[in-house]
Every structure is written in structure tokens, then in C-alpha cells.
Amino acid sequence: MEPILDIPARLERRRKALTVAELAEELNLSGKTIYEQVSKGHIPYYKIAGSIRFDPVRIAGWLRLQEAA
């Protein structure tokens, strides 16, 4: 049985960029909340052809910084 990983560690294991829906599920938040954080510049993201995506490694680092604050 695989041990339960903390969210940043679990995200770092992902190899593909996350969509808003995927990140919302990982963080147990609504998609609306993710979009609000993006619009306020509070969460690192990038756009591909107008779609918002999240680098799992950058998000893991960002979460660790949030925990430390």
C-alpha cells in the first residue's frame, strides 16, 4: 500500500500541466476559486492558446511557501 503523500509531493509526481478543474480537485477547491486566484495573480499559471494551465512543480513550491507564511 502506497503511503499518503502531502499535496505538494503528490503534485510533483504529475508529469503533465494541470487544468483548472484538475487543480481544483487536487486542492479540494472550486474551479471558481481557482479562477479568482488566477485573476488576482495569487497563483502561478500560464496560458496555452488561451487556456489556463498550471505547472505541477511550480504549484507544489507555491503551496509550500503558503504553508510557511
PDB file of N, CA and C in Angstrom:
ATOM      1  N   MET A   1       0.843  -1.184   0.000  1.00  0.00           N
ATOM      2  CA  MET A   1       0.000   0.000   0.000  1.00  0.00           C
ATOM      3  C   MET A   1       0.890   1.251   0.000  1.00  0.00           C
ATOM      4  N   GLU A   2       0.598   2.181  -0.892  1.00  0.00           N
ATOM      5  CA  GLU A   2       1.384   3.404  -1.024  1.00  0.00           C
ATOM      6  C   GLU A   2       1.045   4.374   0.114  1.00  0.00           C
ATOM      7  N   PRO A   3       2.070   4.983   0.732  1.00  0.00           N
ATOM      8  CA  PRO A   3       1.785   5.942   1.811  1.00  0.00           C
ATOM      9  C   PRO A   3       1.062   7.177   1.269  1.00  0.00           C
ATOM     10  N   ILE A   4       0.293   7.793   2.122  1.00  0.00           N
ATOM     11  CA  ILE A   4      -0.417   9.019   1.745  1.00  0.00           C
ATOM     12  C   ILE A   4       0.606  10.141   1.648  1.00  0.00           C
ATOM     13  N   LEU A   5       0.624  10.812   0.511  1.00  0.00           N
ATOM     14  CA  LEU A   5       1.562  11.916   0.289  1.00  0.00           C
ATOM     15  C   LEU A   5       0.891  13.238   0.599  1.00  0.00           C
ATOM     16  N   ASP A   6       1.696  14.194   1.007  1.00  0.00           N
ATOM     17  CA  ASP A   6       1.139  15.523   1.152  1.00  0.00           C
ATOM     18  C   ASP A   6       0.850  16.066  -0.251  1.00  0.00           C
ATOM     19  N   ILE A   7       0.015  17.085  -0.341  1.00  0.00           N
ATOM     20  CA  ILE A   7      -0.423  17.603  -1.636  1.00  0.00           C
ATOM     21  C   ILE A   7       0.756  18.050  -2.503  1.00  0.00           C
ATOM     22  N   PRO A   8       1.710  18.846  -1.998  1.00  0.00           N
ATOM     23  CA  PRO A   8       2.827  19.239  -2.869  1.00  0.00           C
ATOM     24  C   PRO A   8       3.599  18.038  -3.424  1.00  0.00           C
ATOM     25  N   ALA A   9       3.858  17.041  -2.594  1.00  0.00           N
ATOM     26  CA  ALA A   9       4.587  15.857  -3.065  1.00  0.00           C
ATOM     27  C   ALA A   9       3.784  15.114  -4.129  1.00  0.00           C
ATOM     28  N   ARG A  10       2.490  15.008  -3.930  1.00  0.00           N
ATOM     29  CA  ARG A  10       1.629  14.342  -4.916  1.00  0.00           C
ATOM     30  C   ARG A  10       1.641  15.100  -6.240  1.00  0.00           C
ATOM     31  N   LEU A  11       1.590  16.429  -6.176  1.00  0.00           N
ATOM     32  CA  LEU A  11       1.618  17.234  -7.394  1.00  0.00           C
ATOM     33  C   LEU A  11       2.931  17.064  -8.147  1.00  0.00           C
ATOM     34  N   GLU A  12       4.038  17.001  -7.412  1.00  0.00           N
ATOM     35  CA  GLU A  12       5.345  16.868  -8.050  1.00  0.00           C
ATOM     36  C   GLU A  12       5.488  15.562  -8.826  1.00  0.00           C
ATOM     37  N   ARG A  13       4.695  14.596  -8.504  1.00  0.00           N
ATOM     38  CA  ARG A  13       4.740  13.317  -9.219  1.00  0.00           C
ATOM     39  C   ARG A  13       4.012  13.375 -10.557  1.00  0.00           C
ATOM     40  N   ARG A  14       3.220  14.399 -10.753  1.00  0.00           N
ATOM     41  CA  ARG A  14       2.486  14.536 -12.018  1.00  0.00           C
ATOM     42  C   ARG A  14       3.432  15.023 -13.101  1.00  0.00           C
ATOM     43  N   ARG A  15       3.222  14.554 -14.306  1.00  0.00           N
ATOM     44  CA  ARG A  15       4.125  14.897 -15.409  1.00  0.00           C
ATOM     45  C   ARG A  15       3.520  15.895 -16.388  1.00  0.00           C
ATOM     46  N   LYS A  16       2.232  16.098 -16.329  1.00  0.00           N
ATOM     47  CA  LYS A  16       1.572  16.992 -17.281  1.00  0.00           C
ATOM     48  C   LYS A  16       1.020  18.210 -16.568  1.00  0.00           C
ATOM     49  N   ALA A  17       0.895  19.285 -17.333  1.00  0.00           N
ATOM     50  CA  ALA A  17       0.299  20.512 -16.807  1.00  0.00           C
ATOM     51  C   ALA A  17      -1.126  20.228 -16.336  1.00  0.00           C
ATOM     52  N   LEU A  18      -1.539  20.945 -15.315  1.00  0.00           N
ATOM     53  CA  LEU A  18      -2.867  20.776 -14.747  1.00  0.00           C
ATOM     54  C   LEU A  18      -3.840  21.788 -15.329  1.00  0.00           C
ATOM     55  N   THR A  19      -5.063  21.365 -15.514  1.00  0.00           N
ATOM     56  CA  THR A  19      -6.135  22.286 -15.888  1.00  0.00           C
ATOM     57  C   THR A  19      -6.700  22.899 -14.619  1.00  0.00           C
ATOM     58  N   VAL A  20      -7.573  23.867 -14.780  1.00  0.00           N
ATOM     59  CA  VAL A  20      -8.244  24.470 -13.622  1.00  0.00           C
ATOM     60  C   VAL A  20      -9.009  23.394 -12.860  1.00  0.00           C
ATOM     61  N   ALA A  21      -9.747  22.560 -13.566  1.00  0.00           N
ATOM     62  CA  ALA A  21     -10.552  21.513 -12.918  1.00  0.00           C
ATOM     63  C   ALA A  21      -9.666  20.522 -12.161  1.00  0.00           C
ATOM     64  N   GLU A  22      -8.540  20.139 -12.743  1.00  0.00           N
ATOM     65  CA  GLU A  22      -7.641  19.189 -12.084  1.00  0.00           C
ATOM     66  C   GLU A  22      -7.026  19.794 -10.829  1.00  0.00           C
ATOM     67  N   LEU A  23      -6.594  21.051 -10.919  1.00  0.00           N
ATOM     68  CA  LEU A  23      -6.011  21.700  -9.744  1.00  0.00           C
ATOM     69  C   LEU A  23      -7.064  21.891  -8.660  1.00  0.00           C
ATOM     70  N   ALA A  24      -8.245  22.281  -9.052  1.00  0.00           N
ATOM     71  CA  ALA A  24      -9.325  22.450  -8.080  1.00  0.00           C
ATOM     72  C   ALA A  24      -9.587  21.139  -7.340  1.00  0.00           C
ATOM     73  N   GLU A  25      -9.588  20.035  -8.066  1.00  0.00           N
ATOM     74  CA  GLU A  25      -9.808  18.732  -7.433  1.00  0.00           C
ATOM     75  C   GLU A  25      -8.674  18.386  -6.480  1.00  0.00           C
ATOM     76  N   GLU A  26      -7.438  18.611  -6.906  1.00  0.00           N
ATOM     77  CA  GLU A  26      -6.278  18.319  -6.056  1.00  0.00           C
ATOM     78  C   GLU A  26      -6.305  19.120  -4.759  1.00  0.00           C
ATOM     79  N   LEU A  27      -6.741  20.382  -4.852  1.00  0.00           N
ATOM     80  CA  LEU A  27      -6.731  21.269  -3.687  1.00  0.00           C
ATOM     81  C   LEU A  27      -8.051  21.280  -2.936  1.00  0.00           C
ATOM     82  N   ASN A  28      -9.008  20.521  -3.442  1.00  0.00           N
ATOM     83  CA  ASN A  28     -10.339  20.470  -2.837  1.00  0.00           C
ATOM     84  C   ASN A  28     -10.971  21.869  -2.780  1.00  0.00           C
ATOM     85  N   LEU A  29     -10.863  22.568  -3.901  1.00  0.00           N
ATOM     86  CA  LEU A  29     -11.448  23.897  -4.060  1.00  0.00           C
ATOM     87  C   LEU A  29     -12.361  23.891  -5.274  1.00  0.00           C
ATOM     88  N   SER A  30     -13.141  24.929  -5.422  1.00  0.00           N
ATOM     89  CA  SER A  30     -13.971  25.048  -6.619  1.00  0.00           C
ATOM     90  C   SER A  30     -13.155  25.641  -7.764  1.00  0.00           C
ATOM     91  N   GLY A  31     -13.591  25.371  -8.971  1.00  0.00           N
ATOM     92  CA  GLY A  31     -12.964  25.986 -10.129  1.00  0.00           C
ATOM     93  C   GLY A  31     -13.056  27.499 -10.056  1.00  0.00           C
ATOM     94  N   LYS A  32     -14.167  27.994  -9.528  1.00  0.00           N
ATOM     95  CA  LYS A  32     -14.361  29.443  -9.387  1.00  0.00           C
ATOM     96  C   LYS A  32     -13.274  30.046  -8.497  1.00  0.00           C
ATOM     97  N   THR A  33     -12.957  29.365  -7.417  1.00  0.00           N
ATOM     98  CA  THR A  33     -11.915  29.850  -6.513  1.00  0.00           C
ATOM     99  C   THR A  33     -10.561  29.890  -7.217  1.00  0.00           C
ATOM    100  N   ILE A  34     -10.266  28.872  -8.007  1.00  0.00           N
ATOM    101  CA  ILE A  34      -9.002  28.849  -8.752  1.00  0.00           C
ATOM    102  C   ILE A  34      -8.952  30.021  -9.724  1.00  0.00           C
ATOM    103  N   TYR A  35     -10.039  30.232 -10.479  1.00  0.00           N
ATOM    104  CA  TYR A  35     -10.077  31.366 -11.415  1.00  0.00           C
ATOM    105  C   TYR A  35      -9.900  32.691 -10.690  1.00  0.00           C
ATOM    106  N   GLU A  36     -10.500  32.839  -9.503  1.00  0.00           N
ATOM    107  CA  GLU A  36     -10.352  34.078  -8.736  1.00  0.00           C
ATOM    108  C   GLU A  36      -8.889  34.288  -8.332  1.00  0.00           C
ATOM    109  N   GLN A  37      -8.220  33.213  -7.913  1.00  0.00           N
ATOM    110  CA  GLN A  37      -6.812  33.320  -7.529  1.00  0.00           C
ATOM    111  C   GLN A  37      -5.935  33.679  -8.726  1.00  0.00           C
ATOM    112  N   VAL A  38      -6.272  33.139  -9.892  1.00  0.00           N
ATOM    113  CA  VAL A  38      -5.551  33.472 -11.117  1.00  0.00           C
ATOM    114  C   VAL A  38      -5.740  34.948 -11.448  1.00  0.00           C
ATOM    115  N   SER A  39      -6.985  35.413 -11.407  1.00  0.00           N
ATOM    116  CA  SER A  39      -7.268  36.801 -11.794  1.00  0.00           C
ATOM    117  C   SER A  39      -6.607  37.804 -10.850  1.00  0.00           C
ATOM    118  N   LYS A  40      -6.401  37.408  -9.607  1.00  0.00           N
ATOM    119  CA  LYS A  40      -5.744  38.280  -8.637  1.00  0.00           C
ATOM    120  C   LYS A  40      -4.221  38.142  -8.669  1.00  0.00           C
ATOM    121  N   GLY A  41      -3.729  37.209  -9.475  1.00  0.00           N
ATOM    122  CA  GLY A  41      -2.286  36.992  -9.557  1.00  0.00           C
ATOM    123  C   GLY A  41      -1.711  36.298  -8.347  1.00  0.00           C
ATOM    124  N   HIS A  42      -2.542  35.560  -7.612  1.00  0.00           N
ATOM    125  CA  HIS A  42      -2.092  34.908  -6.382  1.00  0.00           C
ATOM    126  C   HIS A  42      -1.531  33.512  -6.594  1.00  0.00           C
ATOM    127  N   ILE A  43      -1.709  32.945  -7.772  1.00  0.00           N
ATOM    128  CA  ILE A  43      -1.273  31.576  -8.025  1.00  0.00           C
ATOM    129  C   ILE A  43      -0.523  31.543  -9.365  1.00  0.00           C
ATOM    130  N   PRO A  44       0.603  30.823  -9.420  1.00  0.00           N
ATOM    131  CA  PRO A  44       1.361  30.790 -10.679  1.00  0.00           C
ATOM    132  C   PRO A  44       0.637  29.972 -11.756  1.00  0.00           C
ATOM    133  N   TYR A  45       0.565  30.526 -12.947  1.00  0.00           N
ATOM    134  CA  TYR A  45      -0.110  29.852 -14.056  1.00  0.00           C
ATOM    135  C   TYR A  45       0.505  30.327 -15.363  1.00  0.00           C
ATOM    136  N   TYR A  46       0.127  29.685 -16.432  1.00  0.00           N
ATOM    137  CA  TYR A  46       0.484  30.150 -17.767  1.00  0.00           C
ATOM    138  C   TYR A  46      -0.672  29.819 -18.694  1.00  0.00           C
ATOM    139  N   LYS A  47      -0.641  30.389 -19.870  1.00  0.00           N
ATOM    140  CA  LYS A  47      -1.707  30.158 -20.847  1.00  0.00           C
ATOM    141  C   LYS A  47      -1.146  29.471 -22.076  1.00  0.00           C
ATOM    142  N   ILE A  48      -1.921  28.541 -22.578  1.00  0.00           N
ATOM    143  CA  ILE A  48      -1.635  27.879 -23.842  1.00  0.00           C
ATOM    144  C   ILE A  48      -2.878  28.049 -24.701  1.00  0.00           C
ATOM    145  N   ALA A  49      -2.728  28.782 -25.783  1.00  0.00           N
ATOM    146  CA  ALA A  49      -3.856  29.037 -26.700  1.00  0.00           C
ATOM    147  C   ALA A  49      -5.091  29.520 -25.934  1.00  0.00           C
ATOM    148  N   GLY A  50      -4.868  30.388 -24.963  1.00  0.00           N
ATOM    149  CA  GLY A  50      -5.968  30.966 -24.210  1.00  0.00           C
ATOM    150  C   GLY A  50      -6.462  30.132 -23.038  1.00  0.00           C
ATOM    151  N   SER A  51      -5.952  28.912 -22.887  1.00  0.00           N
ATOM    152  CA  SER A  51      -6.354  28.044 -21.779  1.00  0.00           C
ATOM    153  C   SER A  51      -5.367  28.180 -20.626  1.00  0.00           C
ATOM    154  N   ILE A  52      -5.882  28.264 -19.425  1.00  0.00           N
ATOM    155  CA  ILE A  52      -5.044  28.381 -18.234  1.00  0.00           C
ATOM    156  C   ILE A  52      -4.531  26.995 -17.849  1.00  0.00           C
ATOM    157  N   ARG A  53      -3.229  26.932 -17.592  1.00  0.00           N
ATOM    158  CA  ARG A  53      -2.593  25.687 -17.162  1.00  0.00           C
ATOM    159  C   ARG A  53      -1.663  25.987 -15.994  1.00  0.00           C
ATOM    160  N   PHE A  54      -1.373  24.937 -15.219  1.00  0.00           N
ATOM    161  CA  PHE A  54      -0.532  25.060 -14.039  1.00  0.00           C
ATOM    162  C   PHE A  54       0.578  24.013 -14.090  1.00  0.00           C
ATOM    163  N   ASP A  55       1.810  24.470 -13.867  1.00  0.00           N
ATOM    164  CA  ASP A  55       2.945  23.564 -13.780  1.00  0.00           C
ATOM    165  C   ASP A  55       2.897  22.915 -12.399  1.00  0.00           C
ATOM    166  N   PRO A  56       2.779  21.591 -12.320  1.00  0.00           N
ATOM    167  CA  PRO A  56       2.640  20.946 -11.014  1.00  0.00           C
ATOM    168  C   PRO A  56       3.811  21.204 -10.068  1.00  0.00           C
ATOM    169  N   VAL A  57       5.023  21.305 -10.594  1.00  0.00           N
ATOM    170  CA  VAL A  57       6.192  21.561  -9.738  1.00  0.00           C
ATOM    171  C   VAL A  57       6.137  22.981  -9.179  1.00  0.00           C
ATOM    172  N   ARG A  58       5.774  23.942 -10.018  1.00  0.00           N
ATOM    173  CA  ARG A  58       5.652  25.330  -9.531  1.00  0.00           C
ATOM    174  C   ARG A  58       4.534  25.448  -8.496  1.00  0.00           C
ATOM    175  N   ILE A  59       3.422  24.764  -8.731  1.00  0.00           N
ATOM    176  CA  ILE A  59       2.315  24.808  -7.776  1.00  0.00           C
ATOM    177  C   ILE A  59       2.737  24.173  -6.455  1.00  0.00           C
ATOM    178  N   ALA A  60       3.482  23.076  -6.502  1.00  0.00           N
ATOM    179  CA  ALA A  60       3.967  22.434  -5.275  1.00  0.00           C
ATOM    180  C   ALA A  60       4.843  23.399  -4.478  1.00  0.00           C
ATOM    181  N   GLY A  61       5.750  24.081  -5.163  1.00  0.00           N
ATOM    182  CA  GLY A  61       6.597  25.074  -4.494  1.00  0.00           C
ATOM    183  C   GLY A  61       5.792  26.214  -3.920  1.00  0.00           C
ATOM    184  N   TRP A  62       4.807  26.684  -4.683  1.00  0.00           N
ATOM    185  CA  TRP A  62       3.934  27.766  -4.226  1.00  0.00           C
ATOM    186  C   TRP A  62       3.161  27.340  -2.974  1.00  0.00           C
ATOM    187  N   LEU A  63       2.665  26.108  -2.973  1.00  0.00           N
ATOM    188  CA  LEU A  63       1.937  25.615  -1.788  1.00  0.00           C
ATOM    189  C   LEU A  63       2.840  25.557  -0.572  1.00  0.00           C
ATOM    190  N   ARG A  64       4.069  25.130  -0.764  1.00  0.00           N
ATOM    191  CA  ARG A  64       4.999  25.079   0.379  1.00  0.00           C
ATOM    192  C   ARG A  64       5.267  26.472   0.933  1.00  0.00           C
ATOM    193  N   LEU A  65       5.375  27.456   0.046  1.00  0.00           N
ATOM    194  CA  LEU A  65       5.556  28.836   0.504  1.00  0.00           C
ATOM    195  C   LEU A  65       4.340  29.318   1.278  1.00  0.00           C
ATOM    196  N   GLN A  66       3.144  28.922   0.832  1.00  0.00           N
ATOM    197  CA  GLN A  66       1.908  29.323   1.509  1.00  0.00           C
ATOM    198  C   GLN A  66       1.862  28.720   2.914  1.00  0.00           C
ATOM    199  N   GLU A  67       2.317  27.475   3.024  1.00  0.00           N
ATOM    200  CA  GLU A  67       2.328  26.802   4.332  1.00  0.00           C
ATOM    201  C   GLU A  67       3.296  27.471   5.293  1.00  0.00           C
ATOM    202  N   ALA A  68       4.417  27.967   4.763  1.00  0.00           N
ATOM    203  CA  ALA A  68       5.449  28.584   5.595  1.00  0.00           C
ATOM    204  C   ALA A  68       5.057  29.990   6.060  1.00  0.00           C
ATOM    205  N   ALA A  69       4.156  30.625   5.330  1.00  0.00           N
ATOM    206  CA  ALA A  69       3.783  32.005   5.654  1.00  0.00           C
ATOM    207  C   ALA A  69       2.869  32.086   6.857  1.00  0.00           C
TER     208      ALA A  69
END
